[in-house]
Amino acid sequence: MTENLYEMVNQQSEARPTEDMELNISNNDCTKEIENTKSQKVLAGMEEGEGTSDRTADESKDIVNIFCVVDDFEKYLQLNERYTKYTELHRYYDIGEAINAFYKGDVKNKDLQKLSNRTRIKKDILLKASKFAACYTRDHLSMLCGEYFVPSWQQISHNISMPPEELIEVYMNSSTPGMFDLNIKSFKSFKRKTRR
């Protein structure tokens, strides 16, 4: 049973398009900027009269590229975090879809417990992944992986009871993960007040 579920999740992951997440950092523009600055030329050993004759032009360019990467390290970390969250959301969605397809939408507590024991994924997480895949569509998932930031699995799983449209609306009105958390709290508070 677990092997079949594992295969289903992997097949869904392989079928998922990854073109939306481009993580390549081009050094071309950055290298041009660095090559034009005197301080970087000194660090790269390219300053005239400082014994650079033993260094080839290619070695100097490699050193310049290293400085470029260091300058873009913050951007790299942001892209890496975005990619990690994107992958994490899709992985839990795939797990949830596989569970729902395997049990034909009728997931029982004992089935989740057996699956949890065999996969070592907590039953609560399996249940939330199942609910996530049942409530959200691939289009909803694409919207959550939008232009500003990608919410973490924790942010989604803690609010799995919110209808997808409401959660996405809150997401669209948030520009950072912290603001997303605050907006969800405000939205839930407002909903509680209006129900009274």
N, C-alpha and C. Protein backbone atom coordinates (compact mmCIF):
# COMPACT_ATOMS: atom_id res chain seq x y z
N MET A 1 0.83 -1.19 0.00
CA MET A 1 0.00 0.00 0.00
C MET A 1 0.88 1.26 0.00
N THR A 2 1.85 1.34 0.88
CA THR A 2 2.70 2.52 0.97
C THR A 2 3.51 2.71 -0.30
N GLU A 3 3.97 1.61 -0.88
CA GLU A 3 4.77 1.71 -2.10
C GLU A 3 3.94 2.33 -3.22
N ASN A 4 2.67 1.91 -3.35
CA ASN A 4 1.81 2.46 -4.39
C ASN A 4 1.56 3.95 -4.16
N LEU A 5 1.33 4.32 -2.93
CA LEU A 5 1.12 5.73 -2.60
C LEU A 5 2.37 6.54 -2.89
N TYR A 6 3.53 5.98 -2.51
CA TYR A 6 4.81 6.65 -2.77
C TYR A 6 5.00 6.86 -4.27
N GLU A 7 4.71 5.83 -5.06
CA GLU A 7 4.84 5.95 -6.52
C GLU A 7 3.90 7.00 -7.08
N MET A 8 2.67 7.07 -6.55
CA MET A 8 1.71 8.06 -7.02
C MET A 8 2.22 9.47 -6.76
N VAL A 9 2.77 9.70 -5.57
CA VAL A 9 3.28 11.03 -5.23
C VAL A 9 4.44 11.39 -6.15
N ASN A 10 5.36 10.45 -6.37
CA ASN A 10 6.50 10.74 -7.24
C ASN A 10 6.09 10.99 -8.67
N GLN A 11 5.11 10.27 -9.18
CA GLN A 11 4.64 10.50 -10.54
C GLN A 11 4.02 11.88 -10.67
N GLN A 12 3.25 12.29 -9.66
CA GLN A 12 2.64 13.61 -9.70
C GLN A 12 3.70 14.70 -9.63
N SER A 13 4.73 14.48 -8.83
CA SER A 13 5.81 15.47 -8.71
C SER A 13 6.57 15.61 -10.02
N GLU A 14 6.82 14.49 -10.70
CA GLU A 14 7.53 14.55 -11.97
C GLU A 14 6.71 15.23 -13.04
N ALA A 15 5.39 15.09 -12.97
CA ALA A 15 4.52 15.68 -13.98
C ALA A 15 4.33 17.18 -13.77
N ARG A 16 4.67 17.67 -12.56
CA ARG A 16 4.45 19.08 -12.23
C ARG A 16 5.42 19.97 -13.00
N PRO A 17 4.92 21.01 -13.64
CA PRO A 17 5.83 21.90 -14.35
C PRO A 17 6.67 22.71 -13.37
N THR A 18 7.97 22.80 -13.65
CA THR A 18 8.84 23.56 -12.76
C THR A 18 9.35 24.82 -13.44
N GLU A 19 8.84 25.09 -14.63
CA GLU A 19 9.33 26.27 -15.34
C GLU A 19 8.96 27.57 -14.62
N ASP A 20 7.89 27.54 -13.77
CA ASP A 20 7.49 28.77 -13.09
C ASP A 20 8.57 29.28 -12.16
N MET A 21 9.41 28.37 -11.67
CA MET A 21 10.41 28.76 -10.70
C MET A 21 11.78 28.79 -11.35
N GLU A 22 12.21 29.95 -11.75
CA GLU A 22 13.53 30.07 -12.36
C GLU A 22 14.49 30.60 -11.32
N LEU A 23 15.53 29.84 -11.03
CA LEU A 23 16.45 30.21 -9.97
C LEU A 23 17.84 30.54 -10.47
N ASN A 24 18.02 30.69 -11.75
CA ASN A 24 19.34 30.99 -12.28
C ASN A 24 19.69 32.44 -12.02
N ILE A 25 20.87 32.67 -11.48
CA ILE A 25 21.36 34.02 -11.28
C ILE A 25 22.41 34.26 -12.33
N SER A 26 22.14 35.18 -13.21
CA SER A 26 23.09 35.47 -14.27
C SER A 26 24.17 36.40 -13.76
N ASN A 27 25.42 36.05 -14.04
CA ASN A 27 26.54 36.87 -13.59
C ASN A 27 26.97 37.89 -14.62
N ASN A 28 26.43 37.84 -15.82
CA ASN A 28 26.92 38.69 -16.90
C ASN A 28 26.83 40.18 -16.56
N ASP A 29 25.64 40.65 -16.17
CA ASP A 29 25.49 42.08 -15.87
C ASP A 29 26.31 42.46 -14.65
N CYS A 30 26.29 41.60 -13.65
CA CYS A 30 27.02 41.88 -12.42
C CYS A 30 28.53 41.93 -12.69
N THR A 31 29.02 41.01 -13.51
CA THR A 31 30.45 40.96 -13.82
C THR A 31 30.89 42.24 -14.51
N LYS A 32 30.07 42.74 -15.41
CA LYS A 32 30.41 43.98 -16.12
C LYS A 32 30.55 45.14 -15.14
N GLU A 33 29.61 45.19 -14.18
CA GLU A 33 29.69 46.26 -13.18
C GLU A 33 30.96 46.14 -12.36
N ILE A 34 31.26 44.94 -11.92
CA ILE A 34 32.42 44.73 -11.06
C ILE A 34 33.71 45.00 -11.81
N GLU A 35 33.77 44.60 -13.06
CA GLU A 35 35.00 44.82 -13.82
C GLU A 35 35.30 46.30 -13.98
N ASN A 36 34.27 47.14 -13.84
CA ASN A 36 34.47 48.57 -14.00
C ASN A 36 34.83 49.29 -12.70
N THR A 37 34.84 48.59 -11.58
CA THR A 37 35.16 49.26 -10.33
C THR A 37 36.59 48.95 -9.90
N LYS A 38 37.28 49.97 -9.47
CA LYS A 38 38.70 49.82 -9.11
C LYS A 38 38.86 48.92 -7.90
N SER A 39 37.98 49.05 -6.90
CA SER A 39 38.15 48.24 -5.69
C SER A 39 38.03 46.75 -6.00
N GLN A 40 37.14 46.39 -6.88
CA GLN A 40 37.00 44.98 -7.23
C GLN A 40 38.18 44.50 -8.05
N LYS A 41 38.74 45.40 -8.87
CA LYS A 41 39.92 45.02 -9.65
C LYS A 41 41.09 44.72 -8.73
N VAL A 42 41.21 45.50 -7.67
CA VAL A 42 42.29 45.26 -6.70
C VAL A 42 42.08 43.90 -6.05
N LEU A 43 40.85 43.63 -5.60
CA LEU A 43 40.56 42.35 -4.97
C LEU A 43 40.77 41.18 -5.92
N ALA A 44 40.52 41.40 -7.18
CA ALA A 44 40.69 40.34 -8.17
C ALA A 44 42.13 40.25 -8.65
N GLY A 45 43.01 41.10 -8.15
CA GLY A 45 44.41 41.07 -8.53
C GLY A 45 44.65 41.60 -9.93
N MET A 46 43.82 42.54 -10.33
CA MET A 46 43.93 43.04 -11.70
C MET A 46 44.54 44.44 -11.75
N GLU A 47 44.89 45.02 -10.60
CA GLU A 47 45.48 46.35 -10.58
C GLU A 47 46.87 46.31 -11.19
N GLU A 48 47.19 47.27 -11.98
CA GLU A 48 48.50 47.31 -12.63
C GLU A 48 49.62 47.46 -11.62
N GLY A 49 50.73 46.81 -11.89
CA GLY A 49 51.93 46.99 -11.08
C GLY A 49 51.91 46.24 -9.76
N GLU A 50 51.01 45.31 -9.56
CA GLU A 50 50.95 44.58 -8.30
C GLU A 50 51.23 43.10 -8.50
N GLY A 51 52.05 42.76 -9.42
CA GLY A 51 52.45 41.37 -9.60
C GLY A 51 51.35 40.46 -10.11
N THR A 52 50.56 40.95 -11.03
CA THR A 52 49.46 40.13 -11.54
C THR A 52 49.84 39.35 -12.78
N SER A 53 51.11 39.42 -13.17
CA SER A 53 51.51 38.77 -14.42
C SER A 53 51.36 37.25 -14.35
N ASP A 54 51.41 36.68 -13.12
CA ASP A 54 51.27 35.23 -13.03
C ASP A 54 49.81 34.78 -13.07
N ARG A 55 48.89 35.71 -13.01
CA ARG A 55 47.46 35.38 -13.04
C ARG A 55 46.93 35.56 -14.46
N THR A 56 46.24 34.56 -14.97
CA THR A 56 45.70 34.65 -16.33
C THR A 56 44.43 35.48 -16.30
N ALA A 57 44.00 35.90 -17.45
CA ALA A 57 42.77 36.68 -17.56
C ALA A 57 41.57 35.86 -17.11
N ASP A 58 41.55 34.57 -17.42
CA ASP A 58 40.43 33.71 -17.02
C ASP A 58 40.36 33.57 -15.49
N GLU A 59 41.53 33.43 -14.84
CA GLU A 59 41.53 33.31 -13.39
C GLU A 59 41.02 34.60 -12.75
N SER A 60 41.42 35.72 -13.30
CA SER A 60 40.95 37.00 -12.77
C SER A 60 39.45 37.12 -12.94
N LYS A 61 38.94 36.70 -14.08
CA LYS A 61 37.50 36.77 -14.33
C LYS A 61 36.75 35.87 -13.36
N ASP A 62 37.29 34.68 -13.06
CA ASP A 62 36.67 33.78 -12.10
C ASP A 62 36.58 34.43 -10.73
N ILE A 63 37.63 35.10 -10.33
CA ILE A 63 37.62 35.78 -9.03
C ILE A 63 36.57 36.88 -9.03
N VAL A 64 36.46 37.62 -10.12
CA VAL A 64 35.44 38.66 -10.23
C VAL A 64 34.06 38.03 -10.11
N ASN A 65 33.85 36.89 -10.75
CA ASN A 65 32.55 36.21 -10.67
C ASN A 65 32.23 35.77 -9.25
N ILE A 66 33.26 35.37 -8.50
CA ILE A 66 33.03 35.00 -7.11
C ILE A 66 32.51 36.20 -6.33
N PHE A 67 33.11 37.37 -6.54
CA PHE A 67 32.63 38.57 -5.85
C PHE A 67 31.22 38.91 -6.29
N CYS A 68 30.92 38.69 -7.54
CA CYS A 68 29.57 38.93 -8.04
C CYS A 68 28.57 38.04 -7.31
N VAL A 69 28.91 36.78 -7.15
CA VAL A 69 28.02 35.85 -6.47
C VAL A 69 27.83 36.27 -5.02
N VAL A 70 28.91 36.73 -4.37
CA VAL A 70 28.79 37.20 -3.00
C VAL A 70 27.87 38.42 -2.95
N ASP A 71 27.99 39.32 -3.91
CA ASP A 71 27.12 40.49 -3.94
C ASP A 71 25.66 40.07 -4.13
N ASP A 72 25.41 39.00 -4.86
CA ASP A 72 24.06 38.53 -5.12
C ASP A 72 23.63 37.44 -4.14
N PHE A 73 24.38 37.24 -3.07
CA PHE A 73 24.09 36.16 -2.15
C PHE A 73 22.71 36.33 -1.51
N GLU A 74 22.36 37.57 -1.16
CA GLU A 74 21.05 37.82 -0.56
C GLU A 74 19.95 37.45 -1.54
N LYS A 75 20.14 37.82 -2.80
CA LYS A 75 19.15 37.46 -3.83
C LYS A 75 19.07 35.95 -3.97
N TYR A 76 20.22 35.29 -3.94
CA TYR A 76 20.25 33.84 -4.04
C TYR A 76 19.47 33.21 -2.88
N LEU A 77 19.68 33.72 -1.66
CA LEU A 77 18.98 33.17 -0.49
C LEU A 77 17.47 33.37 -0.62
N GLN A 78 17.05 34.53 -1.11
CA GLN A 78 15.63 34.78 -1.30
C GLN A 78 15.04 33.82 -2.32
N LEU A 79 15.75 33.63 -3.42
CA LEU A 79 15.26 32.71 -4.44
C LEU A 79 15.24 31.27 -3.93
N ASN A 80 16.25 30.92 -3.17
CA ASN A 80 16.31 29.57 -2.62
C ASN A 80 15.16 29.33 -1.64
N GLU A 81 14.88 30.32 -0.80
CA GLU A 81 13.77 30.20 0.14
C GLU A 81 12.45 30.08 -0.61
N ARG A 82 12.29 30.87 -1.65
CA ARG A 82 11.06 30.83 -2.46
C ARG A 82 10.90 29.46 -3.10
N TYR A 83 11.99 28.95 -3.65
CA TYR A 83 11.94 27.64 -4.30
C TYR A 83 11.62 26.54 -3.29
N THR A 84 12.21 26.62 -2.10
CA THR A 84 11.97 25.62 -1.06
C THR A 84 10.51 25.61 -0.66
N LYS A 85 9.93 26.77 -0.44
CA LYS A 85 8.52 26.86 -0.05
C LYS A 85 7.62 26.39 -1.19
N TYR A 86 7.97 26.76 -2.41
CA TYR A 86 7.21 26.34 -3.59
C TYR A 86 7.20 24.82 -3.68
N THR A 87 8.35 24.21 -3.53
CA THR A 87 8.47 22.75 -3.61
C THR A 87 7.71 22.09 -2.47
N GLU A 88 7.84 22.67 -1.27
CA GLU A 88 7.17 22.12 -0.10
C GLU A 88 5.65 22.13 -0.28
N LEU A 89 5.08 23.24 -0.74
CA LEU A 89 3.64 23.32 -0.96
C LEU A 89 3.19 22.29 -1.99
N HIS A 90 3.93 22.19 -3.08
CA HIS A 90 3.56 21.22 -4.11
C HIS A 90 3.71 19.79 -3.62
N ARG A 91 4.71 19.52 -2.82
CA ARG A 91 4.90 18.17 -2.29
C ARG A 91 3.73 17.77 -1.40
N TYR A 92 3.32 18.65 -0.49
CA TYR A 92 2.18 18.33 0.38
C TYR A 92 0.90 18.20 -0.44
N TYR A 93 0.75 19.03 -1.45
CA TYR A 93 -0.42 18.92 -2.33
C TYR A 93 -0.41 17.56 -3.03
N ASP A 94 0.75 17.16 -3.53
CA ASP A 94 0.87 15.86 -4.20
C ASP A 94 0.57 14.71 -3.24
N ILE A 95 1.06 14.80 -2.02
CA ILE A 95 0.78 13.77 -1.02
C ILE A 95 -0.72 13.71 -0.75
N GLY A 96 -1.33 14.87 -0.57
CA GLY A 96 -2.77 14.92 -0.33
C GLY A 96 -3.57 14.35 -1.50
N GLU A 97 -3.18 14.70 -2.72
CA GLU A 97 -3.87 14.16 -3.90
C GLU A 97 -3.73 12.65 -3.96
N ALA A 98 -2.54 12.15 -3.66
CA ALA A 98 -2.31 10.70 -3.69
C ALA A 98 -3.15 9.99 -2.64
N ILE A 99 -3.22 10.55 -1.44
CA ILE A 99 -4.04 9.97 -0.38
C ILE A 99 -5.50 9.95 -0.80
N ASN A 100 -5.98 11.07 -1.31
CA ASN A 100 -7.39 11.16 -1.72
C ASN A 100 -7.70 10.21 -2.87
N ALA A 101 -6.79 10.09 -3.82
CA ALA A 101 -7.01 9.18 -4.94
C ALA A 101 -6.95 7.72 -4.48
N PHE A 102 -6.01 7.40 -3.60
CA PHE A 102 -5.84 6.03 -3.14
C PHE A 102 -7.06 5.57 -2.33
N TYR A 103 -7.54 6.44 -1.45
CA TYR A 103 -8.69 6.09 -0.62
C TYR A 103 -10.01 6.57 -1.22
N LYS A 104 -9.95 7.05 -2.42
CA LYS A 104 -11.13 7.53 -3.16
C LYS A 104 -11.95 8.55 -2.36
N GLY A 105 -11.22 9.45 -1.69
CA GLY A 105 -11.86 10.54 -0.96
C GLY A 105 -12.43 10.15 0.39
N ASP A 106 -12.43 8.87 0.73
CA ASP A 106 -12.98 8.39 2.00
C ASP A 106 -11.84 7.98 2.92
N VAL A 107 -11.12 8.96 3.45
CA VAL A 107 -9.96 8.69 4.30
C VAL A 107 -10.43 8.55 5.73
N LYS A 108 -10.12 7.41 6.32
CA LYS A 108 -10.49 7.15 7.70
C LYS A 108 -9.28 7.36 8.61
N ASN A 109 -9.57 7.62 9.86
CA ASN A 109 -8.52 7.88 10.86
C ASN A 109 -7.55 6.71 10.96
N LYS A 110 -8.07 5.49 10.98
CA LYS A 110 -7.20 4.31 11.13
C LYS A 110 -6.29 4.15 9.90
N ASP A 111 -6.81 4.51 8.72
CA ASP A 111 -5.98 4.44 7.51
C ASP A 111 -4.83 5.44 7.58
N LEU A 112 -5.14 6.65 8.06
CA LEU A 112 -4.09 7.66 8.21
C LEU A 112 -3.06 7.25 9.25
N GLN A 113 -3.53 6.60 10.31
CA GLN A 113 -2.60 6.15 11.35
C GLN A 113 -1.66 5.08 10.80
N LYS A 114 -2.20 4.13 10.02
CA LYS A 114 -1.36 3.09 9.41
C LYS A 114 -0.34 3.73 8.47
N LEU A 115 -0.82 4.65 7.66
CA LEU A 115 0.06 5.34 6.72
C LEU A 115 1.12 6.14 7.47
N SER A 116 0.72 6.78 8.54
CA SER A 116 1.66 7.54 9.36
C SER A 116 2.74 6.63 9.95
N ASN A 117 2.34 5.48 10.44
CA ASN A 117 3.31 4.54 11.02
C ASN A 117 4.30 4.06 9.98
N ARG A 118 3.83 3.86 8.75
CA ARG A 118 4.71 3.33 7.71
C ARG A 118 5.59 4.40 7.07
N THR A 119 5.10 5.62 6.99
CA THR A 119 5.86 6.68 6.32
C THR A 119 6.60 7.58 7.30
N ARG A 120 6.23 7.51 8.57
CA ARG A 120 6.80 8.37 9.62
C ARG A 120 6.49 9.85 9.41
N ILE A 121 5.40 10.09 8.71
CA ILE A 121 4.86 11.44 8.59
C ILE A 121 3.70 11.50 9.58
N LYS A 122 3.65 12.54 10.38
CA LYS A 122 2.61 12.62 11.41
C LYS A 122 1.21 12.55 10.78
N LYS A 123 0.32 11.89 11.50
CA LYS A 123 -1.06 11.72 11.02
C LYS A 123 -1.73 13.07 10.75
N ASP A 124 -1.48 14.02 11.64
CA ASP A 124 -2.06 15.36 11.49
C ASP A 124 -1.63 16.01 10.17
N ILE A 125 -0.37 15.84 9.83
CA ILE A 125 0.14 16.42 8.58
C ILE A 125 -0.50 15.73 7.38
N LEU A 126 -0.63 14.40 7.44
CA LEU A 126 -1.28 13.67 6.36
C LEU A 126 -2.74 14.11 6.19
N LEU A 127 -3.42 14.32 7.32
CA LEU A 127 -4.80 14.78 7.27
C LEU A 127 -4.89 16.17 6.64
N LYS A 128 -4.00 17.07 7.05
CA LYS A 128 -4.00 18.43 6.49
C LYS A 128 -3.64 18.42 5.01
N ALA A 129 -2.70 17.57 4.62
CA ALA A 129 -2.35 17.47 3.20
C ALA A 129 -3.54 16.96 2.39
N SER A 130 -4.27 16.02 2.95
CA SER A 130 -5.45 15.49 2.28
C SER A 130 -6.52 16.58 2.13
N LYS A 131 -6.74 17.34 3.20
CA LYS A 131 -7.71 18.44 3.14
C LYS A 131 -7.26 19.52 2.15
N PHE A 132 -5.97 19.81 2.16
CA PHE A 132 -5.39 20.81 1.25
C PHE A 132 -5.69 20.43 -0.20
N ALA A 133 -5.43 19.18 -0.55
CA ALA A 133 -5.65 18.73 -1.93
C ALA A 133 -7.13 18.65 -2.26
N ALA A 134 -7.97 18.36 -1.26
CA ALA A 134 -9.40 18.27 -1.50
C ALA A 134 -10.03 19.64 -1.72
N CYS A 135 -9.56 20.64 -0.98
CA CYS A 135 -10.16 21.98 -1.03
C CYS A 135 -9.57 22.87 -2.13
N TYR A 136 -8.28 22.72 -2.40
CA TYR A 136 -7.59 23.60 -3.32
C TYR A 136 -7.40 22.93 -4.67
N THR A 137 -7.44 23.71 -5.72
CA THR A 137 -7.17 23.22 -7.06
C THR A 137 -5.73 23.60 -7.43
N ARG A 138 -5.27 23.08 -8.55
CA ARG A 138 -3.94 23.46 -9.04
C ARG A 138 -3.90 24.96 -9.34
N ASP A 139 -5.02 25.52 -9.80
CA ASP A 139 -5.07 26.97 -10.04
C ASP A 139 -4.90 27.76 -8.74
N HIS A 140 -5.57 27.29 -7.68
CA HIS A 140 -5.39 27.93 -6.36
C HIS A 140 -3.93 27.87 -5.95
N LEU A 141 -3.33 26.71 -6.16
CA LEU A 141 -1.93 26.53 -5.79
C LEU A 141 -1.03 27.48 -6.57
N SER A 142 -1.31 27.65 -7.85
CA SER A 142 -0.54 28.60 -8.68
C SER A 142 -0.67 30.02 -8.16
N MET A 143 -1.88 30.39 -7.73
CA MET A 143 -2.09 31.74 -7.19
C MET A 143 -1.31 31.95 -5.91
N LEU A 144 -1.22 30.89 -5.09
CA LEU A 144 -0.47 31.00 -3.83
C LEU A 144 1.04 31.07 -4.04
N CYS A 145 1.48 30.68 -5.20
CA CYS A 145 2.91 30.75 -5.52
C CYS A 145 3.14 31.95 -6.43
N GLY A 146 2.50 33.06 -6.10
CA GLY A 146 2.50 34.24 -6.94
C GLY A 146 3.77 35.05 -6.90
N GLU A 147 3.60 36.31 -7.26
CA GLU A 147 4.76 37.15 -7.52
C GLU A 147 5.46 37.69 -6.28
N TYR A 148 4.76 37.93 -5.18
CA TYR A 148 5.40 38.56 -4.03
C TYR A 148 6.25 37.59 -3.21
N PHE A 149 5.63 36.53 -2.76
CA PHE A 149 6.31 35.54 -1.92
C PHE A 149 5.49 34.26 -1.99
N VAL A 150 6.07 33.18 -1.53
CA VAL A 150 5.36 31.90 -1.46
C VAL A 150 5.14 31.62 0.02
N PRO A 151 3.87 31.44 0.44
CA PRO A 151 3.65 31.14 1.86
C PRO A 151 4.21 29.77 2.21
N SER A 152 4.56 29.59 3.45
CA SER A 152 5.10 28.31 3.89
C SER A 152 3.96 27.31 4.10
N TRP A 153 4.33 26.03 4.16
CA TRP A 153 3.34 25.00 4.43
C TRP A 153 2.68 25.26 5.79
N GLN A 154 3.44 25.73 6.77
CA GLN A 154 2.87 26.00 8.09
C GLN A 154 1.79 27.07 8.01
N GLN A 155 2.03 28.11 7.23
CA GLN A 155 1.03 29.17 7.09
C GLN A 155 -0.25 28.63 6.46
N ILE A 156 -0.13 27.73 5.52
CA ILE A 156 -1.31 27.15 4.88
C ILE A 156 -1.97 26.13 5.81
N SER A 157 -1.18 25.23 6.38
CA SER A 157 -1.77 24.16 7.19
C SER A 157 -2.46 24.69 8.45
N HIS A 158 -1.96 25.76 9.03
CA HIS A 158 -2.59 26.33 10.22
C HIS A 158 -3.92 27.01 9.87
N ASN A 159 -4.12 27.28 8.61
CA ASN A 159 -5.35 27.97 8.17
C ASN A 159 -6.12 27.14 7.15
N ILE A 160 -6.00 25.82 7.24
CA ILE A 160 -6.61 24.93 6.26
C ILE A 160 -8.14 24.99 6.31
N SER A 161 -8.70 25.45 7.43
CA SER A 161 -10.16 25.54 7.54
C SER A 161 -10.73 26.75 6.80
N MET A 162 -9.88 27.71 6.46
CA MET A 162 -10.35 28.87 5.69
C MET A 162 -10.67 28.45 4.26
N PRO A 163 -11.77 28.95 3.70
CA PRO A 163 -12.05 28.65 2.29
C PRO A 163 -10.91 29.18 1.41
N PRO A 164 -10.56 28.45 0.36
CA PRO A 164 -9.43 28.84 -0.49
C PRO A 164 -9.54 30.27 -1.03
N GLU A 165 -10.74 30.66 -1.43
CA GLU A 165 -10.92 32.00 -2.00
C GLU A 165 -10.58 33.09 -1.00
N GLU A 166 -10.98 32.89 0.26
CA GLU A 166 -10.68 33.87 1.30
C GLU A 166 -9.18 33.93 1.60
N LEU A 167 -8.57 32.75 1.71
CA LEU A 167 -7.13 32.71 1.99
C LEU A 167 -6.34 33.36 0.85
N ILE A 168 -6.74 33.10 -0.37
CA ILE A 168 -6.05 33.69 -1.53
C ILE A 168 -6.26 35.20 -1.56
N GLU A 169 -7.46 35.65 -1.20
CA GLU A 169 -7.71 37.10 -1.15
C GLU A 169 -6.79 37.77 -0.13
N VAL A 170 -6.64 37.14 1.04
CA VAL A 170 -5.73 37.67 2.06
C VAL A 170 -4.31 37.66 1.54
N TYR A 171 -3.92 36.58 0.85
CA TYR A 171 -2.58 36.47 0.27
C TYR A 171 -2.34 37.60 -0.74
N MET A 172 -3.31 37.85 -1.59
CA MET A 172 -3.15 38.88 -2.63
C MET A 172 -2.98 40.28 -2.03
N ASN A 173 -3.49 40.47 -0.81
CA ASN A 173 -3.38 41.77 -0.15
C ASN A 173 -2.19 41.84 0.80
N SER A 174 -1.29 40.87 0.71
CA SER A 174 -0.11 40.83 1.58
C SER A 174 1.14 40.84 0.71
N SER A 175 2.14 41.59 1.15
CA SER A 175 3.37 41.65 0.36
C SER A 175 4.54 40.89 0.99
N THR A 176 4.37 40.46 2.24
CA THR A 176 5.42 39.69 2.92
C THR A 176 4.77 38.57 3.73
N PRO A 177 5.53 37.54 4.08
CA PRO A 177 4.96 36.47 4.91
C PRO A 177 4.46 36.98 6.26
N GLY A 178 5.17 37.92 6.87
CA GLY A 178 4.73 38.48 8.14
C GLY A 178 3.41 39.22 8.01
N MET A 179 3.29 40.00 6.94
CA MET A 179 2.05 40.72 6.70
C MET A 179 0.91 39.73 6.43
N PHE A 180 1.21 38.63 5.76
CA PHE A 180 0.23 37.59 5.48
C PHE A 180 -0.33 37.05 6.80
N ASP A 181 0.56 36.74 7.76
CA ASP A 181 0.11 36.26 9.07
C ASP A 181 -0.78 37.28 9.77
N LEU A 182 -0.35 38.54 9.77
CA LEU A 182 -1.15 39.59 10.41
C LEU A 182 -2.50 39.76 9.73
N ASN A 183 -2.52 39.72 8.41
CA ASN A 183 -3.77 39.88 7.67
C ASN A 183 -4.72 38.71 7.91
N ILE A 184 -4.18 37.51 8.06
CA ILE A 184 -5.04 36.35 8.37
C ILE A 184 -5.66 36.51 9.75
N LYS A 185 -4.85 36.94 10.73
CA LYS A 185 -5.39 37.15 12.08
C LYS A 185 -6.48 38.22 12.06
N SER A 186 -6.23 39.30 11.35
CA SER A 186 -7.24 40.37 11.25
C SER A 186 -8.50 39.88 10.55
N PHE A 187 -8.32 39.12 9.49
CA PHE A 187 -9.45 38.60 8.73
C PHE A 187 -10.29 37.66 9.60
N LYS A 188 -9.63 36.74 10.33
CA LYS A 188 -10.35 35.82 11.20
C LYS A 188 -11.06 36.56 12.32
N SER A 189 -10.41 37.57 12.87
CA SER A 189 -11.02 38.38 13.93
C SER A 189 -12.27 39.09 13.40
N PHE A 190 -12.15 39.66 12.21
CA PHE A 190 -13.28 40.35 11.59
C PHE A 190 -14.43 39.37 11.34
N LYS A 191 -14.12 38.16 10.86
CA LYS A 191 -15.15 37.15 10.58
C LYS A 191 -15.86 36.75 11.87
N ARG A 192 -15.11 36.59 12.98
CA ARG A 192 -15.70 36.23 14.26
C ARG A 192 -16.66 37.32 14.74
N LYS A 193 -16.24 38.58 14.58
CA LYS A 193 -17.09 39.70 15.02
C LYS A 193 -18.36 39.80 14.22
N THR A 194 -18.28 39.54 12.92
CA THR A 194 -19.47 39.66 12.07
C THR A 194 -20.44 38.49 12.26
N ARG A 195 -19.97 37.36 12.77
CA ARG A 195 -20.86 36.22 13.03
C ARG A 195 -21.70 36.43 14.28
N ARG A 196 -21.24 37.26 15.18
CA ARG A 196 -21.95 37.47 16.46
C ARG A 196 -23.17 38.26 16.27
